[in-house]
Structures are given as structure tokens and as C-alpha cells.
Amino acid sequence: VCEKCFTRGNNLTVHLRKKHQFKWPSGHPRFRYKEHDDGFLRL
């Protein structure tokens, strides 16, 4: 959303939840991140 970078996935998860109000479906324990062509992992 905002291109901010993090060294750990759980830090990005906290950012997405608090800054952008993302949530995951009931029962799903965590966000999953996918590696893109530029080497960064995004939601």
C-alpha cells in the first residue's frame, strides 16, 4: 500500500493491521507473503 519496508514479516503484519486496517479471515493465523520479481516479499 505505502511501500514501507521491514526486515521481518511480523513487523509488516503489525503495520498492515494498525496502519492500513487489514485483517485476516477467521481461523487463518497469519498473513502470507509472496516474493516478487524485485526480490521483495509482499502480502
ModelCIF file with pLDDT and N, C-alpha, C, O atoms, coordinates in Angstrom:
data_MODEL
#
_entry.id   MODEL 
#
_entity.id                         1 
_entity.type                       polymer 
_entity.pdbx_number_of_molecules   1 
#
_entity_poly.entity_id                      1 
_entity_poly.type                           'polypeptide(L)' 
_entity_poly.nstd_linkage                   no 
_entity_poly.nstd_monomer                   no 
_entity_poly.pdbx_seq_one_letter_code       VCEKCFTRGNNLTVHLRKKHQFKWPSGHPRFRYKEHDDGFLRL 
_entity_poly.pdbx_seq_one_letter_code_can   VCEKCFTRGNNLTVHLRKKHQFKWPSGHPRFRYKEHDDGFLRL 
_entity_poly.pdbx_strand_id                 A 
#
loop_
_entity_poly_seq.entity_id 
_entity_poly_seq.num 
_entity_poly_seq.mon_id 
_entity_poly_seq.hetero 
1 1  VAL n 
1 2  CYS n 
1 3  GLU n 
1 4  LYS n 
1 5  CYS n 
1 6  PHE n 
1 7  THR n 
1 8  ARG n 
1 9  GLY n 
1 10 ASN n 
1 11 ASN n 
1 12 LEU n 
1 13 THR n 
1 14 VAL n 
1 15 HIS n 
1 16 LEU n 
1 17 ARG n 
1 18 LYS n 
1 19 LYS n 
1 20 HIS n 
1 21 GLN n 
1 22 PHE n 
1 23 LYS n 
1 24 TRP n 
1 25 PRO n 
1 26 SER n 
1 27 GLY n 
1 28 HIS n 
1 29 PRO n 
1 30 ARG n 
1 31 PHE n 
1 32 ARG n 
1 33 TYR n 
1 34 LYS n 
1 35 GLU n 
1 36 HIS n 
1 37 ASP n 
1 38 ASP n 
1 39 GLY n 
1 40 PHE n 
1 41 LEU n 
1 42 ARG n 
1 43 LEU n 
#
_struct_asym.id          A 
_struct_asym.entity_id   1 
#
loop_
_ma_qa_metric.id 
_ma_qa_metric.mode 
_ma_qa_metric.name 
_ma_qa_metric.software_group_id 
_ma_qa_metric.type 
1 global pLDDT . pLDDT 
2 local  pLDDT . pLDDT 
#
_ma_qa_metric_global.metric_id      1 
_ma_qa_metric_global.metric_value   79.86 
_ma_qa_metric_global.model_id       1 
_ma_qa_metric_global.ordinal_id     1 
#
loop_
_ma_qa_metric_local.label_asym_id 
_ma_qa_metric_local.label_comp_id 
_ma_qa_metric_local.label_seq_id 
_ma_qa_metric_local.metric_id 
_ma_qa_metric_local.metric_value 
_ma_qa_metric_local.model_id 
_ma_qa_metric_local.ordinal_id 
A VAL 1  2 86.00 1 1  
A CYS 2  2 89.00 1 2  
A GLU 3  2 88.00 1 3  
A LYS 4  2 90.00 1 4  
A CYS 5  2 90.00 1 5  
A PHE 6  2 89.00 1 6  
A THR 7  2 81.00 1 7  
A ARG 8  2 80.00 1 8  
A GLY 9  2 83.00 1 9  
A ASN 10 2 82.00 1 10 
A ASN 11 2 85.00 1 11 
A LEU 12 2 88.00 1 12 
A THR 13 2 86.00 1 13 
A VAL 14 2 88.00 1 14 
A HIS 15 2 90.00 1 15 
A LEU 16 2 87.00 1 16 
A ARG 17 2 84.00 1 17 
A LYS 18 2 87.00 1 18 
A LYS 19 2 87.00 1 19 
A HIS 20 2 85.00 1 20 
A GLN 21 2 83.00 1 21 
A PHE 22 2 81.00 1 22 
A LYS 23 2 75.00 1 23 
A TRP 24 2 68.00 1 24 
A PRO 25 2 61.00 1 25 
A SER 26 2 61.00 1 26 
A GLY 27 2 61.00 1 27 
A HIS 28 2 63.00 1 28 
A PRO 29 2 60.00 1 29 
A ARG 30 2 69.00 1 30 
A PHE 31 2 78.00 1 31 
A ARG 32 2 77.00 1 32 
A TYR 33 2 81.00 1 33 
A LYS 34 2 77.00 1 34 
A GLU 35 2 77.00 1 35 
A HIS 36 2 75.00 1 36 
A ASP 37 2 72.00 1 37 
A ASP 38 2 77.00 1 38 
A GLY 39 2 77.00 1 39 
A PHE 40 2 84.00 1 40 
A LEU 41 2 84.00 1 41 
A ARG 42 2 85.00 1 42 
A LEU 43 2 83.00 1 43 
#
loop_
_atom_site.group_PDB 
_atom_site.id 
_atom_site.type_symbol 
_atom_site.label_atom_id 
_atom_site.label_alt_id 
_atom_site.label_comp_id 
_atom_site.label_asym_id 
_atom_site.label_entity_id 
_atom_site.label_seq_id 
_atom_site.pdbx_PDB_ins_code 
_atom_site.Cartn_x 
_atom_site.Cartn_y 
_atom_site.Cartn_z 
_atom_site.occupancy 
_atom_site.B_iso_or_equiv 
_atom_site.pdbx_formal_charge 
_atom_site.auth_seq_id 
_atom_site.auth_comp_id 
_atom_site.auth_asym_id 
_atom_site.auth_atom_id 
_atom_site.pdbx_PDB_model_num 
ATOM 1   N N  . VAL A 1 1  ? 0.830   -1.201  0.000  1.00 86.00 ? 1  VAL A N  1 
ATOM 2   C CA . VAL A 1 1  ? 0.000   0.000   0.000  1.00 86.00 ? 1  VAL A CA 1 
ATOM 3   C C  . VAL A 1 1  ? 0.868   1.256   0.000  1.00 86.00 ? 1  VAL A C  1 
ATOM 4   O O  . VAL A 1 1  ? 0.680   2.151   -0.825 1.00 86.00 ? 1  VAL A O  1 
ATOM 5   N N  . CYS A 1 2  ? 1.821   1.314   0.934  1.00 89.00 ? 2  CYS A N  1 
ATOM 6   C CA . CYS A 1 2  ? 2.612   2.541   1.087  1.00 89.00 ? 2  CYS A CA 1 
ATOM 7   C C  . CYS A 1 2  ? 4.096   2.348   0.796  1.00 89.00 ? 2  CYS A C  1 
ATOM 8   O O  . CYS A 1 2  ? 4.867   3.302   0.904  1.00 89.00 ? 2  CYS A O  1 
ATOM 9   N N  . GLU A 1 3  ? 4.512   1.142   0.432  1.00 88.00 ? 3  GLU A N  1 
ATOM 10  C CA . GLU A 1 3  ? 5.892   0.848   0.038  1.00 88.00 ? 3  GLU A CA 1 
ATOM 11  C C  . GLU A 1 3  ? 6.892   0.893   1.199  1.00 88.00 ? 3  GLU A C  1 
ATOM 12  O O  . GLU A 1 3  ? 8.098   0.856   0.957  1.00 88.00 ? 3  GLU A O  1 
ATOM 13  N N  . LYS A 1 4  ? 6.432   0.972   2.440  1.00 90.00 ? 4  LYS A N  1 
ATOM 14  C CA . LYS A 1 4  ? 7.346   0.957   3.576  1.00 90.00 ? 4  LYS A CA 1 
ATOM 15  C C  . LYS A 1 4  ? 7.950   -0.442  3.713  1.00 90.00 ? 4  LYS A C  1 
ATOM 16  O O  . LYS A 1 4  ? 7.263   -1.436  3.477  1.00 90.00 ? 4  LYS A O  1 
ATOM 17  N N  . CYS A 1 5  ? 9.242   -0.528  4.097  1.00 90.00 ? 5  CYS A N  1 
ATOM 18  C CA . CYS A 1 5  ? 9.956   -1.815  4.143  1.00 90.00 ? 5  CYS A CA 1 
ATOM 19  C C  . CYS A 1 5  ? 10.269  -2.236  5.573  1.00 90.00 ? 5  CYS A C  1 
ATOM 20  O O  . CYS A 1 5  ? 10.412  -1.405  6.470  1.00 90.00 ? 5  CYS A O  1 
ATOM 21  N N  . PHE A 1 6  ? 10.371  -3.559  5.760  1.00 89.00 ? 6  PHE A N  1 
ATOM 22  C CA . PHE A 1 6  ? 10.639  -4.134  7.073  1.00 89.00 ? 6  PHE A CA 1 
ATOM 23  C C  . PHE A 1 6  ? 11.593  -5.319  6.924  1.00 89.00 ? 6  PHE A C  1 
ATOM 24  O O  . PHE A 1 6  ? 11.645  -5.967  5.878  1.00 89.00 ? 6  PHE A O  1 
ATOM 25  N N  . THR A 1 7  ? 12.342  -5.587  7.990  1.00 81.00 ? 7  THR A N  1 
ATOM 26  C CA . THR A 1 7  ? 13.277  -6.722  7.956  1.00 81.00 ? 7  THR A CA 1 
ATOM 27  C C  . THR A 1 7  ? 12.603  -8.025  8.342  1.00 81.00 ? 7  THR A C  1 
ATOM 28  O O  . THR A 1 7  ? 13.111  -9.102  8.030  1.00 81.00 ? 7  THR A O  1 
ATOM 29  N N  . ARG A 1 8  ? 11.455  -7.941  9.022  1.00 80.00 ? 8  ARG A N  1 
ATOM 30  C CA . ARG A 1 8  ? 10.767  -9.157  9.477  1.00 80.00 ? 8  ARG A CA 1 
ATOM 31  C C  . ARG A 1 8  ? 9.316   -9.121  9.058  1.00 80.00 ? 8  ARG A C  1 
ATOM 32  O O  . ARG A 1 8  ? 8.685   -8.065  8.998  1.00 80.00 ? 8  ARG A O  1 
ATOM 33  N N  . GLY A 1 9  ? 8.792   -10.332 8.763  1.00 83.00 ? 9  GLY A N  1 
ATOM 34  C CA . GLY A 1 9  ? 7.417   -10.434 8.312  1.00 83.00 ? 9  GLY A CA 1 
ATOM 35  C C  . GLY A 1 9  ? 6.412   -10.019 9.371  1.00 83.00 ? 9  GLY A C  1 
ATOM 36  O O  . GLY A 1 9  ? 5.394   -9.407  9.048  1.00 83.00 ? 9  GLY A O  1 
ATOM 37  N N  . ASN A 1 10 ? 6.682   -10.346 10.646 1.00 82.00 ? 10 ASN A N  1 
ATOM 38  C CA . ASN A 1 10 ? 5.703   -9.987  11.676 1.00 82.00 ? 10 ASN A CA 1 
ATOM 39  C C  . ASN A 1 10 ? 5.622   -8.476  11.885 1.00 82.00 ? 10 ASN A C  1 
ATOM 40  O O  . ASN A 1 10 ? 4.585   -7.963  12.307 1.00 82.00 ? 10 ASN A O  1 
ATOM 41  N N  . ASN A 1 11 ? 6.725   -7.754  11.588 1.00 85.00 ? 11 ASN A N  1 
ATOM 42  C CA . ASN A 1 11 ? 6.670   -6.288  11.670 1.00 85.00 ? 11 ASN A CA 1 
ATOM 43  C C  . ASN A 1 11 ? 5.774   -5.708  10.584 1.00 85.00 ? 11 ASN A C  1 
ATOM 44  O O  . ASN A 1 11 ? 5.039   -4.749  10.820 1.00 85.00 ? 11 ASN A O  1 
ATOM 45  N N  . LEU A 1 12 ? 5.841   -6.299  9.389  1.00 88.00 ? 12 LEU A N  1 
ATOM 46  C CA . LEU A 1 12 ? 4.951   -5.862  8.312  1.00 88.00 ? 12 LEU A CA 1 
ATOM 47  C C  . LEU A 1 12 ? 3.501   -6.197  8.651  1.00 88.00 ? 12 LEU A C  1 
ATOM 48  O O  . LEU A 1 12 ? 2.595   -5.424  8.339  1.00 88.00 ? 12 LEU A O  1 
ATOM 49  N N  . THR A 1 13 ? 3.278   -7.352  9.290  1.00 86.00 ? 13 THR A N  1 
ATOM 50  C CA . THR A 1 13 ? 1.925   -7.738  9.684  1.00 86.00 ? 13 THR A CA 1 
ATOM 51  C C  . THR A 1 13 ? 1.327   -6.711  10.645 1.00 86.00 ? 13 THR A C  1 
ATOM 52  O O  . THR A 1 13 ? 0.181   -6.294  10.475 1.00 86.00 ? 13 THR A O  1 
ATOM 53  N N  . VAL A 1 14 ? 2.101   -6.304  11.654 1.00 88.00 ? 14 VAL A N  1 
ATOM 54  C CA . VAL A 1 14 ? 1.630   -5.287  12.610 1.00 88.00 ? 14 VAL A CA 1 
ATOM 55  C C  . VAL A 1 14 ? 1.327   -3.974  11.874 1.00 88.00 ? 14 VAL A C  1 
ATOM 56  O O  . VAL A 1 14 ? 0.331   -3.311  12.163 1.00 88.00 ? 14 VAL A O  1 
ATOM 57  N N  . HIS A 1 15 ? 2.188   -3.612  10.931 1.00 90.00 ? 15 HIS A N  1 
ATOM 58  C CA . HIS A 1 15 ? 1.981   -2.390  10.142 1.00 90.00 ? 15 HIS A CA 1 
ATOM 59  C C  . HIS A 1 15 ? 0.681   -2.457  9.358  1.00 90.00 ? 15 HIS A C  1 
ATOM 60  O O  . HIS A 1 15 ? -0.100  -1.505  9.372  1.00 90.00 ? 15 HIS A O  1 
ATOM 61  N N  . LEU A 1 16 ? 0.437   -3.572  8.671  1.00 87.00 ? 16 LEU A N  1 
ATOM 62  C CA . LEU A 1 16 ? -0.771  -3.716  7.857  1.00 87.00 ? 16 LEU A CA 1 
ATOM 63  C C  . LEU A 1 16 ? -2.030  -3.664  8.708  1.00 87.00 ? 16 LEU A C  1 
ATOM 64  O O  . LEU A 1 16 ? -3.042  -3.097  8.296  1.00 87.00 ? 16 LEU A O  1 
ATOM 65  N N  . ARG A 1 17 ? -1.968  -4.251  9.883  1.00 84.00 ? 17 ARG A N  1 
ATOM 66  C CA . ARG A 1 17 ? -3.151  -4.274  10.748 1.00 84.00 ? 17 ARG A CA 1 
ATOM 67  C C  . ARG A 1 17 ? -3.441  -2.905  11.356 1.00 84.00 ? 17 ARG A C  1 
ATOM 68  O O  . ARG A 1 17 ? -4.593  -2.473  11.393 1.00 84.00 ? 17 ARG A O  1 
ATOM 69  N N  . LYS A 1 18 ? -2.386  -2.209  11.842 1.00 87.00 ? 18 LYS A N  1 
ATOM 70  C CA . LYS A 1 18 ? -2.607  -0.956  12.560 1.00 87.00 ? 18 LYS A CA 1 
ATOM 71  C C  . LYS A 1 18 ? -2.700  0.253   11.626 1.00 87.00 ? 18 LYS A C  1 
ATOM 72  O O  . LYS A 1 18 ? -3.534  1.137   11.824 1.00 87.00 ? 18 LYS A O  1 
ATOM 73  N N  . LYS A 1 19 ? -1.835  0.281   10.609 1.00 87.00 ? 19 LYS A N  1 
ATOM 74  C CA . LYS A 1 19 ? -1.793  1.453   9.733  1.00 87.00 ? 19 LYS A CA 1 
ATOM 75  C C  . LYS A 1 19 ? -2.852  1.394   8.638  1.00 87.00 ? 19 LYS A C  1 
ATOM 76  O O  . LYS A 1 19 ? -3.459  2.410   8.302  1.00 87.00 ? 19 LYS A O  1 
ATOM 77  N N  . HIS A 1 20 ? -3.071  0.205   8.084  1.00 85.00 ? 20 HIS A N  1 
ATOM 78  C CA . HIS A 1 20 ? -3.992  0.085   6.951  1.00 85.00 ? 20 HIS A CA 1 
ATOM 79  C C  . HIS A 1 20 ? -5.245  -0.721  7.272  1.00 85.00 ? 20 HIS A C  1 
ATOM 80  O O  . HIS A 1 20 ? -6.058  -0.977  6.384  1.00 85.00 ? 20 HIS A O  1 
ATOM 81  N N  . GLN A 1 21 ? -5.409  -1.122  8.525  1.00 83.00 ? 21 GLN A N  1 
ATOM 82  C CA . GLN A 1 21 ? -6.612  -1.826  8.993  1.00 83.00 ? 21 GLN A CA 1 
ATOM 83  C C  . GLN A 1 21 ? -6.911  -3.113  8.214  1.00 83.00 ? 21 GLN A C  1 
ATOM 84  O O  . GLN A 1 21 ? -8.073  -3.430  7.961  1.00 83.00 ? 21 GLN A O  1 
ATOM 85  N N  . PHE A 1 22 ? -5.875  -3.844  7.840  1.00 81.00 ? 22 PHE A N  1 
ATOM 86  C CA . PHE A 1 22 ? -6.104  -5.145  7.216  1.00 81.00 ? 22 PHE A CA 1 
ATOM 87  C C  . PHE A 1 22 ? -6.404  -6.182  8.299  1.00 81.00 ? 22 PHE A C  1 
ATOM 88  O O  . PHE A 1 22 ? -5.950  -6.058  9.437  1.00 81.00 ? 22 PHE A O  1 
ATOM 89  N N  . LYS A 1 23 ? -7.155  -7.177  7.936  1.00 75.00 ? 23 LYS A N  1 
ATOM 90  C CA . LYS A 1 23 ? -7.441  -8.277  8.848  1.00 75.00 ? 23 LYS A CA 1 
ATOM 91  C C  . LYS A 1 23 ? -7.439  -9.577  8.053  1.00 75.00 ? 23 LYS A C  1 
ATOM 92  O O  . LYS A 1 23 ? -7.583  -9.564  6.831  1.00 75.00 ? 23 LYS A O  1 
ATOM 93  N N  . TRP A 1 24 ? -7.277  -10.692 8.745  1.00 68.00 ? 24 TRP A N  1 
ATOM 94  C CA . TRP A 1 24 ? -7.328  -11.981 8.065  1.00 68.00 ? 24 TRP A CA 1 
ATOM 95  C C  . TRP A 1 24 ? -8.618  -12.700 8.413  1.00 68.00 ? 24 TRP A C  1 
ATOM 96  O O  . TRP A 1 24 ? -9.212  -12.420 9.454  1.00 68.00 ? 24 TRP A O  1 
ATOM 97  N N  . PRO A 1 25 ? -9.073  -13.628 7.561  1.00 61.00 ? 25 PRO A N  1 
ATOM 98  C CA . PRO A 1 25 ? -10.325 -14.341 7.833  1.00 61.00 ? 25 PRO A CA 1 
ATOM 99  C C  . PRO A 1 25 ? -10.251 -15.130 9.129  1.00 61.00 ? 25 PRO A C  1 
ATOM 100 O O  . PRO A 1 25 ? -9.172  -15.541 9.555  1.00 61.00 ? 25 PRO A O  1 
ATOM 101 N N  . SER A 1 26 ? -11.391 -15.336 9.744  1.00 61.00 ? 26 SER A N  1 
ATOM 102 C CA . SER A 1 26 ? -11.461 -16.125 10.977 1.00 61.00 ? 26 SER A CA 1 
ATOM 103 C C  . SER A 1 26 ? -10.787 -17.477 10.793 1.00 61.00 ? 26 SER A C  1 
ATOM 104 O O  . SER A 1 26 ? -11.062 -18.193 9.830  1.00 61.00 ? 26 SER A O  1 
ATOM 105 N N  . GLY A 1 27 ? -9.912  -17.815 11.714 1.00 61.00 ? 27 GLY A N  1 
ATOM 106 C CA . GLY A 1 27 ? -9.249  -19.119 11.668 1.00 61.00 ? 27 GLY A CA 1 
ATOM 107 C C  . GLY A 1 27 ? -7.877  -19.084 11.046 1.00 61.00 ? 27 GLY A C  1 
ATOM 108 O O  . GLY A 1 27 ? -7.023  -19.898 11.396 1.00 61.00 ? 27 GLY A O  1 
ATOM 109 N N  . HIS A 1 28 ? -7.639  -18.158 10.126 1.00 63.00 ? 28 HIS A N  1 
ATOM 110 C CA . HIS A 1 28 ? -6.324  -18.067 9.497  1.00 63.00 ? 28 HIS A CA 1 
ATOM 111 C C  . HIS A 1 28 ? -5.376  -17.354 10.461 1.00 63.00 ? 28 HIS A C  1 
ATOM 112 O O  . HIS A 1 28 ? -5.631  -16.208 10.829 1.00 63.00 ? 28 HIS A O  1 
ATOM 113 N N  . PRO A 1 29 ? -4.292  -18.006 10.875 1.00 60.00 ? 29 PRO A N  1 
ATOM 114 C CA . PRO A 1 29 ? -3.474  -17.487 11.957 1.00 60.00 ? 29 PRO A CA 1 
ATOM 115 C C  . PRO A 1 29 ? -2.562  -16.337 11.572 1.00 60.00 ? 29 PRO A C  1 
ATOM 116 O O  . PRO A 1 29 ? -2.130  -15.587 12.448 1.00 60.00 ? 29 PRO A O  1 
ATOM 117 N N  . ARG A 1 30 ? -2.251  -16.170 10.281 1.00 69.00 ? 30 ARG A N  1 
ATOM 118 C CA . ARG A 1 30 ? -1.258  -15.150 9.930  1.00 69.00 ? 30 ARG A CA 1 
ATOM 119 C C  . ARG A 1 30 ? -1.387  -14.759 8.466  1.00 69.00 ? 30 ARG A C  1 
ATOM 120 O O  . ARG A 1 30 ? -2.003  -15.465 7.667  1.00 69.00 ? 30 ARG A O  1 
ATOM 121 N N  . PHE A 1 31 ? -0.793  -13.622 8.133  1.00 78.00 ? 31 PHE A N  1 
ATOM 122 C CA . PHE A 1 31 ? -0.685  -13.224 6.732  1.00 78.00 ? 31 PHE A CA 1 
ATOM 123 C C  . PHE A 1 31 ? 0.411   -14.053 6.061  1.00 78.00 ? 31 PHE A C  1 
ATOM 124 O O  . PHE A 1 31 ? 1.352   -14.508 6.710  1.00 78.00 ? 31 PHE A O  1 
ATOM 125 N N  . ARG A 1 32 ? 0.269   -14.235 4.770  1.00 77.00 ? 32 ARG A N  1 
ATOM 126 C CA . ARG A 1 32 ? 1.305   -14.920 3.992  1.00 77.00 ? 32 ARG A CA 1 
ATOM 127 C C  . ARG A 1 32 ? 1.885   -13.933 2.990  1.00 77.00 ? 32 ARG A C  1 
ATOM 128 O O  . ARG A 1 32 ? 1.175   -13.089 2.444  1.00 77.00 ? 32 ARG A O  1 
ATOM 129 N N  . TYR A 1 33 ? 3.189   -14.054 2.757  1.00 81.00 ? 33 TYR A N  1 
ATOM 130 C CA . TYR A 1 33 ? 3.877   -13.100 1.893  1.00 81.00 ? 33 TYR A CA 1 
ATOM 131 C C  . TYR A 1 33 ? 4.484   -13.809 0.686  1.00 81.00 ? 33 TYR A C  1 
ATOM 132 O O  . TYR A 1 33 ? 5.031   -14.907 0.788  1.00 81.00 ? 33 TYR A O  1 
ATOM 133 N N  . LYS A 1 34 ? 4.369   -13.144 -0.452 1.00 77.00 ? 34 LYS A N  1 
ATOM 134 C CA . LYS A 1 34 ? 4.823   -13.696 -1.721 1.00 77.00 ? 34 LYS A CA 1 
ATOM 135 C C  . LYS A 1 34 ? 6.000   -12.879 -2.255 1.00 77.00 ? 34 LYS A C  1 
ATOM 136 O O  . LYS A 1 34 ? 5.965   -11.648 -2.255 1.00 77.00 ? 34 LYS A O  1 
ATOM 137 N N  . GLU A 1 35 ? 7.044   -13.580 -2.711 1.00 77.00 ? 35 GLU A N  1 
ATOM 138 C CA . GLU A 1 35 ? 8.211   -12.900 -3.266 1.00 77.00 ? 35 GLU A CA 1 
ATOM 139 C C  . GLU A 1 35 ? 7.928   -12.446 -4.697 1.00 77.00 ? 35 GLU A C  1 
ATOM 140 O O  . GLU A 1 35 ? 7.443   -13.224 -5.518 1.00 77.00 ? 35 GLU A O  1 
ATOM 141 N N  . HIS A 1 36 ? 8.232   -11.199 -4.984 1.00 75.00 ? 36 HIS A N  1 
ATOM 142 C CA . HIS A 1 36 ? 8.006   -10.637 -6.321 1.00 75.00 ? 36 HIS A CA 1 
ATOM 143 C C  . HIS A 1 36 ? 9.319   -10.551 -7.098 1.00 75.00 ? 36 HIS A C  1 
ATOM 144 O O  . HIS A 1 36 ? 10.392  -10.840 -6.568 1.00 75.00 ? 36 HIS A O  1 
ATOM 145 N N  . ASP A 1 37 ? 9.212   -10.152 -8.351 1.00 72.00 ? 37 ASP A N  1 
ATOM 146 C CA . ASP A 1 37 ? 10.388  -10.124 -9.233 1.00 72.00 ? 37 ASP A CA 1 
ATOM 147 C C  . ASP A 1 37 ? 11.495  -9.216  -8.718 1.00 72.00 ? 37 ASP A C  1 
ATOM 148 O O  . ASP A 1 37 ? 12.669  -9.445  -9.012 1.00 72.00 ? 37 ASP A O  1 
ATOM 149 N N  . ASP A 1 38 ? 11.135  -8.186  -7.950 1.00 77.00 ? 38 ASP A N  1 
ATOM 150 C CA . ASP A 1 38 ? 12.159  -7.259  -7.442 1.00 77.00 ? 38 ASP A CA 1 
ATOM 151 C C  . ASP A 1 38 ? 12.823  -7.762  -6.166 1.00 77.00 ? 38 ASP A C  1 
ATOM 152 O O  . ASP A 1 38 ? 13.667  -7.073  -5.592 1.00 77.00 ? 38 ASP A O  1 
ATOM 153 N N  . GLY A 1 39 ? 12.447  -8.961  -5.720 1.00 77.00 ? 39 GLY A N  1 
ATOM 154 C CA . GLY A 1 39 ? 13.075  -9.549  -4.542 1.00 77.00 ? 39 GLY A CA 1 
ATOM 155 C C  . GLY A 1 39 ? 12.373  -9.245  -3.238 1.00 77.00 ? 39 GLY A C  1 
ATOM 156 O O  . GLY A 1 39 ? 12.723  -9.815  -2.205 1.00 77.00 ? 39 GLY A O  1 
ATOM 157 N N  . PHE A 1 40 ? 11.380  -8.350  -3.259 1.00 84.00 ? 40 PHE A N  1 
ATOM 158 C CA . PHE A 1 40 ? 10.650  -8.015  -2.032 1.00 84.00 ? 40 PHE A CA 1 
ATOM 159 C C  . PHE A 1 40 ? 9.481   -8.977  -1.832 1.00 84.00 ? 40 PHE A C  1 
ATOM 160 O O  . PHE A 1 40 ? 8.902   -9.495  -2.787 1.00 84.00 ? 40 PHE A O  1 
ATOM 161 N N  . LEU A 1 41 ? 9.152   -9.200  -0.551 1.00 84.00 ? 41 LEU A N  1 
ATOM 162 C CA . LEU A 1 41 ? 8.003   -10.037 -0.206 1.00 84.00 ? 41 LEU A CA 1 
ATOM 163 C C  . LEU A 1 41 ? 6.840   -9.136  0.158  1.00 84.00 ? 41 LEU A C  1 
ATOM 164 O O  . LEU A 1 41 ? 6.949   -8.278  1.033  1.00 84.00 ? 41 LEU A O  1 
ATOM 165 N N  . ARG A 1 42 ? 5.704   -9.344  -0.538 1.00 85.00 ? 42 ARG A N  1 
ATOM 166 C CA . ARG A 1 42 ? 4.505   -8.549  -0.276 1.00 85.00 ? 42 ARG A CA 1 
ATOM 167 C C  . ARG A 1 42 ? 3.354   -9.479  0.081  1.00 85.00 ? 42 ARG A C  1 
ATOM 168 O O  . ARG A 1 42 ? 3.431   -10.693 -0.112 1.00 85.00 ? 42 ARG A O  1 
ATOM 169 N N  . LEU A 1 43 ? 2.285   -8.887  0.606  1.00 83.00 ? 43 LEU A N  1 
ATOM 170 C CA . LEU A 1 43 ? 1.148   -9.657  1.081  1.00 83.00 ? 43 LEU A CA 1 
ATOM 171 C C  . LEU A 1 43 ? 0.525   -10.496 -0.028 1.00 83.00 ? 43 LEU A C  1 
ATOM 172 O O  . LEU A 1 43 ? -0.450  -11.208 0.210  1.00 83.00 ? 43 LEU A O  1 
#
